[in-house]
């Protein structure tokens, strides 16, 4: 059974940093694109960042570009999101996701992803 478990969320002051981690189990994910999404209260889930199966190609939402970095460790089956210069508007539940189709590139659409974690909460205080 595929399982994704996010960790690393918490409360941080504006301007601070956090690194989220997503541990994947149940199969090998090294051939699948992965992504991070977030959902703030009362809002739809939105794309944050994506990475292709090799880790060589990445994509970011404009709102986080130059502040967030997505990376993966295919040996450890882990996905990461390094977040810096955090803003109160970054407050949300953050979810990692994995595509169900191997290879390809990075994808922004949430419907491109088959497996989802339960989320980790990030709160940025002003």
PDB file of N, CA and C in Angstrom:
ATOM      1  N   UNK A   1       0.847  -1.195   0.000  1.00  0.00           N
ATOM      2  CA  UNK A   1       0.000   0.000   0.000  1.00  0.00           C
ATOM      3  C   UNK A   1       0.882   1.245   0.000  1.00  0.00           C
ATOM      4  N   UNK A   2       0.589   2.146  -0.903  1.00  0.00           N
ATOM      5  CA  UNK A   2       1.363   3.371  -1.006  1.00  0.00           C
ATOM      6  C   UNK A   2       1.030   4.298   0.160  1.00  0.00           C
ATOM      7  N   UNK A   3       2.059   4.845   0.763  1.00  0.00           N
ATOM      8  CA  UNK A   3       1.855   5.772   1.868  1.00  0.00           C
ATOM      9  C   UNK A   3       2.833   6.935   1.750  1.00  0.00           C
ATOM     10  N   UNK A   4       2.319   8.140   1.932  1.00  0.00           N
ATOM     11  CA  UNK A   4       3.129   9.349   1.945  1.00  0.00           C
ATOM     12  C   UNK A   4       2.910  10.037   3.278  1.00  0.00           C
ATOM     13  N   UNK A   5       3.999  10.328   3.969  1.00  0.00           N
ATOM     14  CA  UNK A   5       3.903  10.960   5.282  1.00  0.00           C
ATOM     15  C   UNK A   5       4.757  12.212   5.299  1.00  0.00           C
ATOM     16  N   UNK A   6       4.083  13.349   5.464  1.00  0.00           N
ATOM     17  CA  UNK A   6       4.788  14.622   5.538  1.00  0.00           C
ATOM     18  C   UNK A   6       5.203  14.925   6.972  1.00  0.00           C
ATOM     19  N   UNK A   7       6.285  15.666   7.111  1.00  0.00           N
ATOM     20  CA  UNK A   7       6.741  16.116   8.423  1.00  0.00           C
ATOM     21  C   UNK A   7       7.505  17.416   8.257  1.00  0.00           C
ATOM     22  N   UNK A   8       7.762  18.082   9.380  1.00  0.00           N
ATOM     23  CA  UNK A   8       8.566  19.295   9.344  1.00  0.00           C
ATOM     24  C   UNK A   8       7.781  20.584   9.463  1.00  0.00           C
ATOM     25  N   UNK A   9       6.459  20.502   9.467  1.00  0.00           N
ATOM     26  CA  UNK A   9       5.664  21.706   9.622  1.00  0.00           C
ATOM     27  C   UNK A   9       5.765  22.271  11.028  1.00  0.00           C
ATOM     28  N   UNK A  10       5.217  23.456  11.209  1.00  0.00           N
ATOM     29  CA  UNK A  10       5.241  24.064  12.517  1.00  0.00           C
ATOM     30  C   UNK A  10       4.947  25.541  12.453  1.00  0.00           C
ATOM     31  N   UNK A  11       5.216  26.217  13.566  1.00  0.00           N
ATOM     32  CA  UNK A  11       4.994  27.651  13.687  1.00  0.00           C
ATOM     33  C   UNK A  11       6.328  28.363  13.532  1.00  0.00           C
ATOM     34  N   UNK A  12       6.359  29.366  12.679  1.00  0.00           N
ATOM     35  CA  UNK A  12       7.595  30.113  12.429  1.00  0.00           C
ATOM     36  C   UNK A  12       7.240  31.576  12.228  1.00  0.00           C
ATOM     37  N   UNK A  13       8.163  32.449  12.586  1.00  0.00           N
ATOM     38  CA  UNK A  13       7.941  33.871  12.367  1.00  0.00           C
ATOM     39  C   UNK A  13       8.201  34.250  10.917  1.00  0.00           C
ATOM     40  N   UNK A  14       7.568  35.305  10.487  1.00  0.00           N
ATOM     41  CA  UNK A  14       7.799  35.801   9.133  1.00  0.00           C
ATOM     42  C   UNK A  14       9.289  36.054   8.931  1.00  0.00           C
ATOM     43  N   UNK A  15       9.766  35.643   7.765  1.00  0.00           N
ATOM     44  CA  UNK A  15      11.181  35.758   7.466  1.00  0.00           C
ATOM     45  C   UNK A  15      11.977  34.521   7.815  1.00  0.00           C
ATOM     46  N   UNK A  16      11.362  33.613   8.533  1.00  0.00           N
ATOM     47  CA  UNK A  16      12.042  32.392   8.944  1.00  0.00           C
ATOM     48  C   UNK A  16      12.038  31.315   7.880  1.00  0.00           C
ATOM     49  N   UNK A  17      12.554  30.153   8.280  1.00  0.00           N
ATOM     50  CA  UNK A  17      12.688  29.033   7.345  1.00  0.00           C
ATOM     51  C   UNK A  17      12.161  27.744   7.954  1.00  0.00           C
ATOM     52  N   UNK A  18      11.734  26.859   7.095  1.00  0.00           N
ATOM     53  CA  UNK A  18      11.326  25.505   7.473  1.00  0.00           C
ATOM     54  C   UNK A  18      11.663  24.577   6.323  1.00  0.00           C
ATOM     55  N   UNK A  19      11.932  23.322   6.652  1.00  0.00           N
ATOM     56  CA  UNK A  19      12.107  22.306   5.615  1.00  0.00           C
ATOM     57  C   UNK A  19      11.102  21.192   5.843  1.00  0.00           C
ATOM     58  N   UNK A  20      10.262  20.963   4.859  1.00  0.00           N
ATOM     59  CA  UNK A  20       9.292  19.876   4.908  1.00  0.00           C
ATOM     60  C   UNK A  20       9.903  18.633   4.281  1.00  0.00           C
ATOM     61  N   UNK A  21       9.500  17.499   4.789  1.00  0.00           N
ATOM     62  CA  UNK A  21       9.957  16.216   4.260  1.00  0.00           C
ATOM     63  C   UNK A  21       8.753  15.332   4.009  1.00  0.00           C
ATOM     64  N   UNK A  22       8.845  14.515   2.989  1.00  0.00           N
ATOM     65  CA  UNK A  22       7.789  13.567   2.671  1.00  0.00           C
ATOM     66  C   UNK A  22       8.428  12.194   2.494  1.00  0.00           C
ATOM     67  N   UNK A  23       8.044  11.266   3.352  1.00  0.00           N
ATOM     68  CA  UNK A  23       8.568   9.906   3.281  1.00  0.00           C
ATOM     69  C   UNK A  23       7.576   9.047   2.516  1.00  0.00           C
ATOM     70  N   UNK A  24       8.053   8.421   1.459  1.00  0.00           N
ATOM     71  CA  UNK A  24       7.206   7.585   0.611  1.00  0.00           C
ATOM     72  C   UNK A  24       7.513   6.114   0.859  1.00  0.00           C
ATOM     73  N   UNK A  25       6.483   5.319   0.936  1.00  0.00           N
ATOM     74  CA  UNK A  25       6.666   3.885   1.136  1.00  0.00           C
ATOM     75  C   UNK A  25       5.599   3.120   0.374  1.00  0.00           C
ATOM     76  N   UNK A  26       5.822   1.839   0.213  1.00  0.00           N
ATOM     77  CA  UNK A  26       4.857   1.007  -0.482  1.00  0.00           C
ATOM     78  C   UNK A  26       5.282   0.637  -1.884  1.00  0.00           C
ATOM     79  N   UNK A  27       6.165   1.408  -2.425  1.00  0.00           N
ATOM     80  CA  UNK A  27       6.752   1.075  -3.717  1.00  0.00           C
ATOM     81  C   UNK A  27       7.924   2.025  -3.945  1.00  0.00           C
ATOM     82  N   UNK A  28       8.648   1.832  -5.031  1.00  0.00           N
ATOM     83  CA  UNK A  28       9.762   2.710  -5.367  1.00  0.00           C
ATOM     84  C   UNK A  28       9.247   3.865  -6.213  1.00  0.00           C
ATOM     85  N   UNK A  29       9.592   5.076  -5.804  1.00  0.00           N
ATOM     86  CA  UNK A  29       9.076   6.265  -6.468  1.00  0.00           C
ATOM     87  C   UNK A  29      10.092   6.945  -7.381  1.00  0.00           C
ATOM     88  N   UNK A  30      11.225   6.313  -7.568  1.00  0.00           N
ATOM     89  CA  UNK A  30      12.293   6.973  -8.318  1.00  0.00           C
ATOM     90  C   UNK A  30      11.933   7.224  -9.773  1.00  0.00           C
ATOM     91  N   UNK A  31      10.888   6.572 -10.298  1.00  0.00           N
ATOM     92  CA  UNK A  31      10.495   6.770 -11.693  1.00  0.00           C
ATOM     93  C   UNK A  31       9.305   7.702 -11.844  1.00  0.00           C
ATOM     94  N   UNK A  32       8.883   8.360 -10.752  1.00  0.00           N
ATOM     95  CA  UNK A  32       7.640   9.132 -10.768  1.00  0.00           C
ATOM     96  C   UNK A  32       7.861  10.575 -10.351  1.00  0.00           C
ATOM     97  N   UNK A  33       7.192  11.473 -11.073  1.00  0.00           N
ATOM     98  CA  UNK A  33       7.218  12.867 -10.681  1.00  0.00           C
ATOM     99  C   UNK A  33       6.502  13.070  -9.359  1.00  0.00           C
ATOM    100  N   UNK A  34       6.947  14.093  -8.628  1.00  0.00           N
ATOM    101  CA  UNK A  34       6.368  14.381  -7.331  1.00  0.00           C
ATOM    102  C   UNK A  34       6.133  15.881  -7.199  1.00  0.00           C
ATOM    103  N   UNK A  35       5.295  16.258  -6.248  1.00  0.00           N
ATOM    104  CA  UNK A  35       4.996  17.675  -6.090  1.00  0.00           C
ATOM    105  C   UNK A  35       4.560  18.023  -4.685  1.00  0.00           C
ATOM    106  N   UNK A  36       4.552  19.307  -4.429  1.00  0.00           N
ATOM    107  CA  UNK A  36       4.019  19.863  -3.184  1.00  0.00           C
ATOM    108  C   UNK A  36       2.849  20.794  -3.531  1.00  0.00           C
ATOM    109  N   UNK A  37       1.802  20.669  -2.745  1.00  0.00           N
ATOM    110  CA  UNK A  37       0.645  21.537  -2.860  1.00  0.00           C
ATOM    111  C   UNK A  37       0.338  22.088  -1.469  1.00  0.00           C
ATOM    112  N   UNK A  38      -0.480  23.120  -1.401  1.00  0.00           N
ATOM    113  CA  UNK A  38      -0.882  23.651  -0.105  1.00  0.00           C
ATOM    114  C   UNK A  38      -2.331  24.101  -0.170  1.00  0.00           C
ATOM    115  N   UNK A  39      -2.938  24.118   1.015  1.00  0.00           N
ATOM    116  CA  UNK A  39      -4.334  24.536   1.109  1.00  0.00           C
ATOM    117  C   UNK A  39      -4.514  25.366   2.376  1.00  0.00           C
ATOM    118  N   UNK A  40      -4.875  26.617   2.173  1.00  0.00           N
ATOM    119  CA  UNK A  40      -5.158  27.514   3.285  1.00  0.00           C
ATOM    120  C   UNK A  40      -6.633  27.400   3.647  1.00  0.00           C
ATOM    121  N   UNK A  41      -6.994  27.745   4.869  1.00  0.00           N
ATOM    122  CA  UNK A  41      -8.405  27.657   5.273  1.00  0.00           C
ATOM    123  C   UNK A  41      -9.315  28.435   4.339  1.00  0.00           C
ATOM    124  N   UNK A  42     -10.352  27.775   3.871  1.00  0.00           N
ATOM    125  CA  UNK A  42     -11.317  28.422   3.007  1.00  0.00           C
ATOM    126  C   UNK A  42     -10.894  28.577   1.564  1.00  0.00           C
ATOM    127  N   UNK A  43      -9.739  28.037   1.232  1.00  0.00           N
ATOM    128  CA  UNK A  43      -9.235  28.162  -0.146  1.00  0.00           C
ATOM    129  C   UNK A  43      -9.037  26.788  -0.775  1.00  0.00           C
ATOM    130  N   UNK A  44      -8.922  26.790  -2.084  1.00  0.00           N
ATOM    131  CA  UNK A  44      -8.678  25.545  -2.794  1.00  0.00           C
ATOM    132  C   UNK A  44      -7.200  25.141  -2.660  1.00  0.00           C
ATOM    133  N   UNK A  45      -6.964  23.866  -2.843  1.00  0.00           N
ATOM    134  CA  UNK A  45      -5.594  23.375  -2.819  1.00  0.00           C
ATOM    135  C   UNK A  45      -4.869  23.916  -4.045  1.00  0.00           C
ATOM    136  N   UNK A  46      -3.676  24.437  -3.838  1.00  0.00           N
ATOM    137  CA  UNK A  46      -2.947  25.059  -4.935  1.00  0.00           C
ATOM    138  C   UNK A  46      -1.550  24.463  -5.083  1.00  0.00           C
ATOM    139  N   UNK A  47      -1.059  24.552  -6.290  1.00  0.00           N
ATOM    140  CA  UNK A  47       0.273  24.060  -6.632  1.00  0.00           C
ATOM    141  C   UNK A  47       1.340  24.929  -5.972  1.00  0.00           C
ATOM    142  N   UNK A  48       2.383  24.278  -5.471  1.00  0.00           N
ATOM    143  CA  UNK A  48       3.512  24.984  -4.893  1.00  0.00           C
ATOM    144  C   UNK A  48       4.790  24.716  -5.703  1.00  0.00           C
ATOM    145  N   UNK A  49       5.120  23.441  -5.857  1.00  0.00           N
ATOM    146  CA  UNK A  49       6.353  23.082  -6.561  1.00  0.00           C
ATOM    147  C   UNK A  49       6.261  21.650  -7.053  1.00  0.00           C
ATOM    148  N   UNK A  50       7.006  21.360  -8.107  1.00  0.00           N
ATOM    149  CA  UNK A  50       7.020  20.010  -8.655  1.00  0.00           C
ATOM    150  C   UNK A  50       8.418  19.660  -9.122  1.00  0.00           C
ATOM    151  N   UNK A  51       8.679  18.361  -9.185  1.00  0.00           N
ATOM    152  CA  UNK A  51       9.988  17.877  -9.608  1.00  0.00           C
ATOM    153  C   UNK A  51       9.786  16.630 -10.446  1.00  0.00           C
ATOM    154  N   UNK A  52      10.597  16.485 -11.487  1.00  0.00           N
ATOM    155  CA  UNK A  52      10.432  15.311 -12.331  1.00  0.00           C
ATOM    156  C   UNK A  52      11.071  14.096 -11.671  1.00  0.00           C
ATOM    157  N   UNK A  53      10.928  12.956 -12.290  1.00  0.00           N
ATOM    158  CA  UNK A  53      11.367  11.702 -11.692  1.00  0.00           C
ATOM    159  C   UNK A  53      12.872  11.673 -11.426  1.00  0.00           C
ATOM    160  N   UNK A  54      13.649  12.378 -12.255  1.00  0.00           N
ATOM    161  CA  UNK A  54      15.103  12.342 -12.113  1.00  0.00           C
ATOM    162  C   UNK A  54      15.625  13.352 -11.096  1.00  0.00           C
ATOM    163  N   UNK A  55      14.806  14.349 -10.794  1.00  0.00           N
ATOM    164  CA  UNK A  55      15.260  15.421  -9.911  1.00  0.00           C
ATOM    165  C   UNK A  55      15.952  16.548 -10.640  1.00  0.00           C
ATOM    166  N   UNK A  56      16.071  16.423 -11.946  1.00  0.00           N
ATOM    167  CA  UNK A  56      16.817  17.442 -12.708  1.00  0.00           C
ATOM    168  C   UNK A  56      15.942  18.600 -13.169  1.00  0.00           C
ATOM    169  N   UNK A  57      14.642  18.419 -13.191  1.00  0.00           N
ATOM    170  CA  UNK A  57      13.741  19.480 -13.653  1.00  0.00           C
ATOM    171  C   UNK A  57      12.758  19.827 -12.550  1.00  0.00           C
ATOM    172  N   UNK A  58      12.601  21.117 -12.316  1.00  0.00           N
ATOM    173  CA  UNK A  58      11.698  21.588 -11.269  1.00  0.00           C
ATOM    174  C   UNK A  58      10.832  22.743 -11.773  1.00  0.00           C
ATOM    175  N   UNK A  59       9.754  22.986 -11.049  1.00  0.00           N
ATOM    176  CA  UNK A  59       8.827  24.053 -11.403  1.00  0.00           C
ATOM    177  C   UNK A  59       8.263  24.617 -10.110  1.00  0.00           C
ATOM    178  N   UNK A  60       7.983  25.921 -10.105  1.00  0.00           N
ATOM    179  CA  UNK A  60       7.489  26.573  -8.908  1.00  0.00           C
ATOM    180  C   UNK A  60       6.345  27.521  -9.233  1.00  0.00           C
ATOM    181  N   UNK A  61       5.431  27.659  -8.298  1.00  0.00           N
ATOM    182  CA  UNK A  61       4.424  28.700  -8.404  1.00  0.00           C
ATOM    183  C   UNK A  61       5.135  30.048  -8.289  1.00  0.00           C
ATOM    184  N   UNK A  62       4.615  31.038  -8.962  1.00  0.00           N
ATOM    185  CA  UNK A  62       5.237  32.367  -8.923  1.00  0.00           C
ATOM    186  C   UNK A  62       5.346  32.900  -7.496  1.00  0.00           C
ATOM    187  N   UNK A  63       4.378  32.550  -6.665  1.00  0.00           N
ATOM    188  CA  UNK A  63       4.331  33.094  -5.304  1.00  0.00           C
ATOM    189  C   UNK A  63       5.459  32.576  -4.414  1.00  0.00           C
ATOM    190  N   UNK A  64       6.103  31.473  -4.811  1.00  0.00           N
ATOM    191  CA  UNK A  64       7.153  30.904  -3.966  1.00  0.00           C
ATOM    192  C   UNK A  64       8.506  30.860  -4.668  1.00  0.00           C
ATOM    193  N   UNK A  65       8.533  31.219  -5.922  1.00  0.00           N
ATOM    194  CA  UNK A  65       9.779  31.158  -6.693  1.00  0.00           C
ATOM    195  C   UNK A  65      10.849  31.990  -6.009  1.00  0.00           C
ATOM    196  N   UNK A  66      12.046  31.462  -5.965  1.00  0.00           N
ATOM    197  CA  UNK A  66      13.221  32.101  -5.358  1.00  0.00           C
ATOM    198  C   UNK A  66      13.205  32.033  -3.831  1.00  0.00           C
ATOM    199  N   UNK A  67      12.122  31.527  -3.236  1.00  0.00           N
ATOM    200  CA  UNK A  67      12.075  31.360  -1.782  1.00  0.00           C
ATOM    201  C   UNK A  67      12.037  29.888  -1.387  1.00  0.00           C
ATOM    202  N   UNK A  68      11.423  29.058  -2.207  1.00  0.00           N
ATOM    203  CA  UNK A  68      11.274  27.633  -1.904  1.00  0.00           C
ATOM    204  C   UNK A  68      12.138  26.821  -2.861  1.00  0.00           C
ATOM    205  N   UNK A  69      12.607  25.673  -2.378  1.00  0.00           N
ATOM    206  CA  UNK A  69      13.379  24.756  -3.211  1.00  0.00           C
ATOM    207  C   UNK A  69      12.872  23.337  -2.999  1.00  0.00           C
ATOM    208  N   UNK A  70      12.499  22.701  -4.091  1.00  0.00           N
ATOM    209  CA  UNK A  70      12.050  21.306  -4.029  1.00  0.00           C
ATOM    210  C   UNK A  70      13.219  20.407  -4.426  1.00  0.00           C
ATOM    211  N   UNK A  71      13.326  19.269  -3.746  1.00  0.00           N
ATOM    212  CA  UNK A  71      14.373  18.310  -4.078  1.00  0.00           C
ATOM    213  C   UNK A  71      13.897  16.918  -3.682  1.00  0.00           C
ATOM    214  N   UNK A  72      14.614  15.919  -4.145  1.00  0.00           N
ATOM    215  CA  UNK A  72      14.235  14.551  -3.831  1.00  0.00           C
ATOM    216  C   UNK A  72      15.470  13.696  -3.651  1.00  0.00           C
ATOM    217  N   UNK A  73      15.323  12.629  -2.880  1.00  0.00           N
ATOM    218  CA  UNK A  73      16.372  11.639  -2.686  1.00  0.00           C
ATOM    219  C   UNK A  73      15.774  10.305  -3.091  1.00  0.00           C
ATOM    220  N   UNK A  74      16.097   9.856  -4.276  1.00  0.00           N
ATOM    221  CA  UNK A  74      15.488   8.633  -4.803  1.00  0.00           C
ATOM    222  C   UNK A  74      16.001   7.368  -4.114  1.00  0.00           C
ATOM    223  N   UNK A  75      17.097   7.471  -3.431  1.00  0.00           N
ATOM    224  CA  UNK A  75      17.594   6.316  -2.683  1.00  0.00           C
ATOM    225  C   UNK A  75      16.772   6.145  -1.405  1.00  0.00           C
ATOM    226  N   UNK A  76      16.484   7.270  -0.762  1.00  0.00           N
ATOM    227  CA  UNK A  76      15.725   7.236   0.488  1.00  0.00           C
ATOM    228  C   UNK A  76      14.215   7.316   0.271  1.00  0.00           C
ATOM    229  N   UNK A  77      13.785   7.490  -0.987  1.00  0.00           N
ATOM    230  CA  UNK A  77      12.342   7.629  -1.269  1.00  0.00           C
ATOM    231  C   UNK A  77      11.749   8.815  -0.515  1.00  0.00           C
ATOM    232  N   UNK A  78      12.448   9.943  -0.593  1.00  0.00           N
ATOM    233  CA  UNK A  78      12.006  11.125   0.130  1.00  0.00           C
ATOM    234  C   UNK A  78      11.919  12.345  -0.783  1.00  0.00           C
ATOM    235  N   UNK A  79      10.980  13.204  -0.463  1.00  0.00           N
ATOM    236  CA  UNK A  79      10.785  14.469  -1.153  1.00  0.00           C
ATOM    237  C   UNK A  79      10.936  15.578  -0.109  1.00  0.00           C
ATOM    238  N   UNK A  80      11.551  16.688  -0.524  1.00  0.00           N
ATOM    239  CA  UNK A  80      11.786  17.787   0.409  1.00  0.00           C
ATOM    240  C   UNK A  80      11.274  19.110  -0.165  1.00  0.00           C
ATOM    241  N   UNK A  81      10.967  20.030   0.742  1.00  0.00           N
ATOM    242  CA  UNK A  81      10.638  21.392   0.340  1.00  0.00           C
ATOM    243  C   UNK A  81      11.314  22.325   1.347  1.00  0.00           C
ATOM    244  N   UNK A  82      12.349  22.993   0.887  1.00  0.00           N
ATOM    245  CA  UNK A  82      13.028  23.978   1.717  1.00  0.00           C
ATOM    246  C   UNK A  82      12.344  25.314   1.507  1.00  0.00           C
ATOM    247  N   UNK A  83      11.879  25.903   2.603  1.00  0.00           N
ATOM    248  CA  UNK A  83      11.130  27.151   2.534  1.00  0.00           C
ATOM    249  C   UNK A  83      11.880  28.220   3.320  1.00  0.00           C
ATOM    250  N   UNK A  84      12.129  29.330   2.673  1.00  0.00           N
ATOM    251  CA  UNK A  84      12.811  30.440   3.340  1.00  0.00           C
ATOM    252  C   UNK A  84      12.054  31.733   3.091  1.00  0.00           C
ATOM    253  N   UNK A  85      12.439  32.766   3.820  1.00  0.00           N
ATOM    254  CA  UNK A  85      11.756  34.065   3.718  1.00  0.00           C
ATOM    255  C   UNK A  85      10.249  33.888   3.790  1.00  0.00           C
ATOM    256  N   UNK A  86       9.808  33.107   4.743  1.00  0.00           N
ATOM    257  CA  UNK A  86       8.388  32.777   4.846  1.00  0.00           C
ATOM    258  C   UNK A  86       7.556  34.004   5.161  1.00  0.00           C
ATOM    259  N   UNK A  87       6.356  33.996   4.599  1.00  0.00           N
ATOM    260  CA  UNK A  87       5.415  35.101   4.763  1.00  0.00           C
ATOM    261  C   UNK A  87       4.136  34.574   5.399  1.00  0.00           C
ATOM    262  N   UNK A  88       3.368  35.432   6.051  1.00  0.00           N
ATOM    263  CA  UNK A  88       2.097  34.973   6.632  1.00  0.00           C
ATOM    264  C   UNK A  88       1.186  34.320   5.593  1.00  0.00           C
ATOM    265  N   UNK A  89       1.249  34.767   4.366  1.00  0.00           N
ATOM    266  CA  UNK A  89       0.405  34.177   3.318  1.00  0.00           C
ATOM    267  C   UNK A  89       0.851  32.779   2.911  1.00  0.00           C
ATOM    268  N   UNK A  90       1.976  32.319   3.428  1.00  0.00           N
ATOM    269  CA  UNK A  90       2.404  30.934   3.196  1.00  0.00           C
ATOM    270  C   UNK A  90       1.733  29.975   4.176  1.00  0.00           C
ATOM    271  N   UNK A  91       0.999  30.501   5.130  1.00  0.00           N
ATOM    272  CA  UNK A  91       0.302  29.660   6.111  1.00  0.00           C
ATOM    273  C   UNK A  91      -0.711  28.763   5.412  1.00  0.00           C
ATOM    274  N   UNK A  92      -0.583  27.465   5.637  1.00  0.00           N
ATOM    275  CA  UNK A  92      -1.449  26.483   4.981  1.00  0.00           C
ATOM    276  C   UNK A  92      -1.066  25.089   5.442  1.00  0.00           C
ATOM    277  N   UNK A  93      -1.903  24.127   5.073  1.00  0.00           N
ATOM    278  CA  UNK A  93      -1.518  22.719   5.170  1.00  0.00           C
ATOM    279  C   UNK A  93      -0.790  22.364   3.890  1.00  0.00           C
ATOM    280  N   UNK A  94       0.354  21.726   4.025  1.00  0.00           N
ATOM    281  CA  UNK A  94       1.177  21.366   2.875  1.00  0.00           C
ATOM    282  C   UNK A  94       1.107  19.862   2.631  1.00  0.00           C
ATOM    283  N   UNK A  95       0.892  19.507   1.365  1.00  0.00           N
ATOM    284  CA  UNK A  95       0.713  18.109   0.985  1.00  0.00           C
ATOM    285  C   UNK A  95       1.746  17.707  -0.063  1.00  0.00           C
ATOM    286  N   UNK A  96       2.301  16.520   0.087  1.00  0.00           N
ATOM    287  CA  UNK A  96       3.125  15.982  -0.992  1.00  0.00           C
ATOM    288  C   UNK A  96       2.267  15.025  -1.815  1.00  0.00           C
ATOM    289  N   UNK A  97       2.652  14.878  -3.062  1.00  0.00           N
ATOM    290  CA  UNK A  97       1.885  14.053  -3.977  1.00  0.00           C
ATOM    291  C   UNK A  97       2.821  13.371  -4.961  1.00  0.00           C
ATOM    292  N   UNK A  98       2.381  12.216  -5.450  1.00  0.00           N
ATOM    293  CA  UNK A  98       3.157  11.427  -6.398  1.00  0.00           C
ATOM    294  C   UNK A  98       2.283  11.069  -7.589  1.00  0.00           C
ATOM    295  N   UNK A  99       2.840  11.135  -8.754  1.00  0.00           N
ATOM    296  CA  UNK A  99       2.090  10.781  -9.954  1.00  0.00           C
ATOM    297  C   UNK A  99       1.914   9.274 -10.035  1.00  0.00           C
ATOM    298  N   UNK A 100       0.891   8.852 -10.776  1.00  0.00           N
ATOM    299  CA  UNK A 100       0.662   7.434 -10.973  1.00  0.00           C
ATOM    300  C   UNK A 100       1.272   6.926 -12.264  1.00  0.00           C
ATOM    301  N   UNK A 101       1.721   7.852 -13.115  1.00  0.00           N
ATOM    302  CA  UNK A 101       2.324   7.494 -14.392  1.00  0.00           C
ATOM    303  C   UNK A 101       3.824   7.771 -14.325  1.00  0.00           C
ATOM    304  N   UNK A 102       4.668   6.819 -14.691  1.00  0.00           N
ATOM    305  CA  UNK A 102       6.114   7.027 -14.557  1.00  0.00           C
ATOM    306  C   UNK A 102       6.683   7.984 -15.598  1.00  0.00           C
ATOM    307  N   UNK A 103       7.845   8.476 -15.269  1.00  0.00           N
ATOM    308  CA  UNK A 103       8.643   9.355 -16.123  1.00  0.00           C
ATOM    309  C   UNK A 103       7.877  10.628 -16.440  1.00  0.00           C
ATOM    310  N   UNK A 104       8.013  11.186 -17.626  1.00  0.00           N
ATOM    311  CA  UNK A 104       7.386  12.465 -17.931  1.00  0.00           C
ATOM    312  C   UNK A 104       8.191  13.602 -17.342  1.00  0.00           C
ATOM    313  N   UNK A 105       7.544  14.723 -17.127  1.00  0.00           N
ATOM    314  CA  UNK A 105       8.232  15.909 -16.620  1.00  0.00           C
ATOM    315  C   UNK A 105       7.586  16.336 -15.306  1.00  0.00           C
ATOM    316  N   UNK A 106       7.551  17.629 -15.002  1.00  0.00           N
ATOM    317  CA  UNK A 106       6.882  18.108 -13.795  1.00  0.00           C
ATOM    318  C   UNK A 106       5.481  18.580 -14.189  1.00  0.00           C
ATOM    319  N   UNK A 107       4.575  18.570 -13.223  1.00  0.00           N
ATOM    320  CA  UNK A 107       3.178  18.885 -13.520  1.00  0.00           C
ATOM    321  C   UNK A 107       2.593  19.768 -12.432  1.00  0.00           C
ATOM    322  N   UNK A 108       1.790  20.757 -12.842  1.00  0.00           N
ATOM    323  CA  UNK A 108       1.183  21.676 -11.883  1.00  0.00           C
ATOM    324  C   UNK A 108      -0.228  21.270 -11.479  1.00  0.00           C
ATOM    325  N   UNK A 109      -0.890  20.523 -12.313  1.00  0.00           N
ATOM    326  CA  UNK A 109      -2.281  20.188 -12.022  1.00  0.00           C
ATOM    327  C   UNK A 109      -2.408  19.127 -10.950  1.00  0.00           C
ATOM    328  N   UNK A 110      -3.256  19.366  -9.976  1.00  0.00           N
ATOM    329  CA  UNK A 110      -3.400  18.400  -8.885  1.00  0.00           C
ATOM    330  C   UNK A 110      -3.987  17.083  -9.379  1.00  0.00           C
ATOM    331  N   UNK A 111      -4.696  17.124 -10.499  1.00  0.00           N
ATOM    332  CA  UNK A 111      -5.292  15.901 -11.019  1.00  0.00           C
ATOM    333  C   UNK A 111      -4.265  15.039 -11.742  1.00  0.00           C
ATOM    334  N   UNK A 112      -3.052  15.563 -11.880  1.00  0.00           N
ATOM    335  CA  UNK A 112      -1.970  14.764 -12.454  1.00  0.00           C
ATOM    336  C   UNK A 112      -1.384  13.802 -11.428  1.00  0.00           C
ATOM    337  N   UNK A 113      -1.757  13.960 -10.168  1.00  0.00           N
ATOM    338  CA  UNK A 113      -1.155  13.179  -9.098  1.00  0.00           C
ATOM    339  C   UNK A 113      -2.135  12.150  -8.556  1.00  0.00           C
ATOM    340  N   UNK A 114      -1.612  10.979  -8.298  1.00  0.00           N
ATOM    341  CA  UNK A 114      -2.473   9.881  -7.873  1.00  0.00           C
ATOM    342  C   UNK A 114      -2.460   9.673  -6.361  1.00  0.00           C
ATOM    343  N   UNK A 115      -1.296   9.852  -5.741  1.00  0.00           N
ATOM    344  CA  UNK A 115      -1.168   9.546  -4.316  1.00  0.00           C
ATOM    345  C   UNK A 115      -0.885  10.836  -3.548  1.00  0.00           C
ATOM    346  N   UNK A 116      -1.515  10.929  -2.375  1.00  0.00           N
ATOM    347  CA  UNK A 116      -1.397  12.136  -1.563  1.00  0.00           C
ATOM    348  C   UNK A 116      -1.106  11.781  -0.109  1.00  0.00           C
ATOM    349  N   UNK A 117      -0.350  12.643   0.536  1.00  0.00           N
ATOM    350  CA  UNK A 117      -0.146  12.505   1.966  1.00  0.00           C
ATOM    351  C   UNK A 117      -1.277  13.166   2.731  1.00  0.00           C
ATOM    352  N   UNK A 118      -1.190  13.111   4.054  1.00  0.00           N
ATOM    353  CA  UNK A 118      -2.225  13.677   4.918  1.00  0.00           C
ATOM    354  C   UNK A 118      -1.984  15.150   5.228  1.00  0.00           C
ATOM    355  N   UNK A 119      -0.805  15.632   4.918  1.00  0.00           N
ATOM    356  CA  UNK A 119      -0.525  17.048   5.104  1.00  0.00           C
ATOM    357  C   UNK A 119       0.199  17.366   6.392  1.00  0.00           C
ATOM    358  N   UNK A 120       0.919  18.473   6.365  1.00  0.00           N
ATOM    359  CA  UNK A 120       1.573  18.997   7.556  1.00  0.00           C
ATOM    360  C   UNK A 120       1.302  20.497   7.603  1.00  0.00           C
ATOM    361  N   UNK A 121       1.002  20.989   8.791  1.00  0.00           N
ATOM    362  CA  UNK A 121       0.565  22.372   8.921  1.00  0.00           C
ATOM    363  C   UNK A 121       1.760  23.317   9.074  1.00  0.00           C
ATOM    364  N   UNK A 122       1.704  24.395   8.323  1.00  0.00           N
ATOM    365  CA  UNK A 122       2.713  25.447   8.426  1.00  0.00           C
ATOM    366  C   UNK A 122       1.994  26.744   8.787  1.00  0.00           C
ATOM    367  N   UNK A 123       2.420  27.362   9.860  1.00  0.00           N
ATOM    368  CA  UNK A 123       1.841  28.627  10.285  1.00  0.00           C
ATOM    369  C   UNK A 123       2.949  29.663  10.389  1.00  0.00           C
ATOM    370  N   UNK A 124       2.773  30.769   9.684  1.00  0.00           N
ATOM    371  CA  UNK A 124       3.764  31.842   9.692  1.00  0.00           C
ATOM    372  C   UNK A 124       3.147  33.051  10.377  1.00  0.00           C
ATOM    373  N   UNK A 125       3.736  33.447  11.471  1.00  0.00           N
ATOM    374  CA  UNK A 125       3.207  34.594  12.218  1.00  0.00           C
ATOM    375  C   UNK A 125       3.888  35.882  11.768  1.00  0.00           C
ATOM    376  N   UNK A 126       3.126  36.966  11.835  1.00  0.00           N
ATOM    377  CA  UNK A 126       3.656  38.261  11.387  1.00  0.00           C
ATOM    378  C   UNK A 126       4.328  39.011  12.522  1.00  0.00           C
TER     379      UNK A 126
END
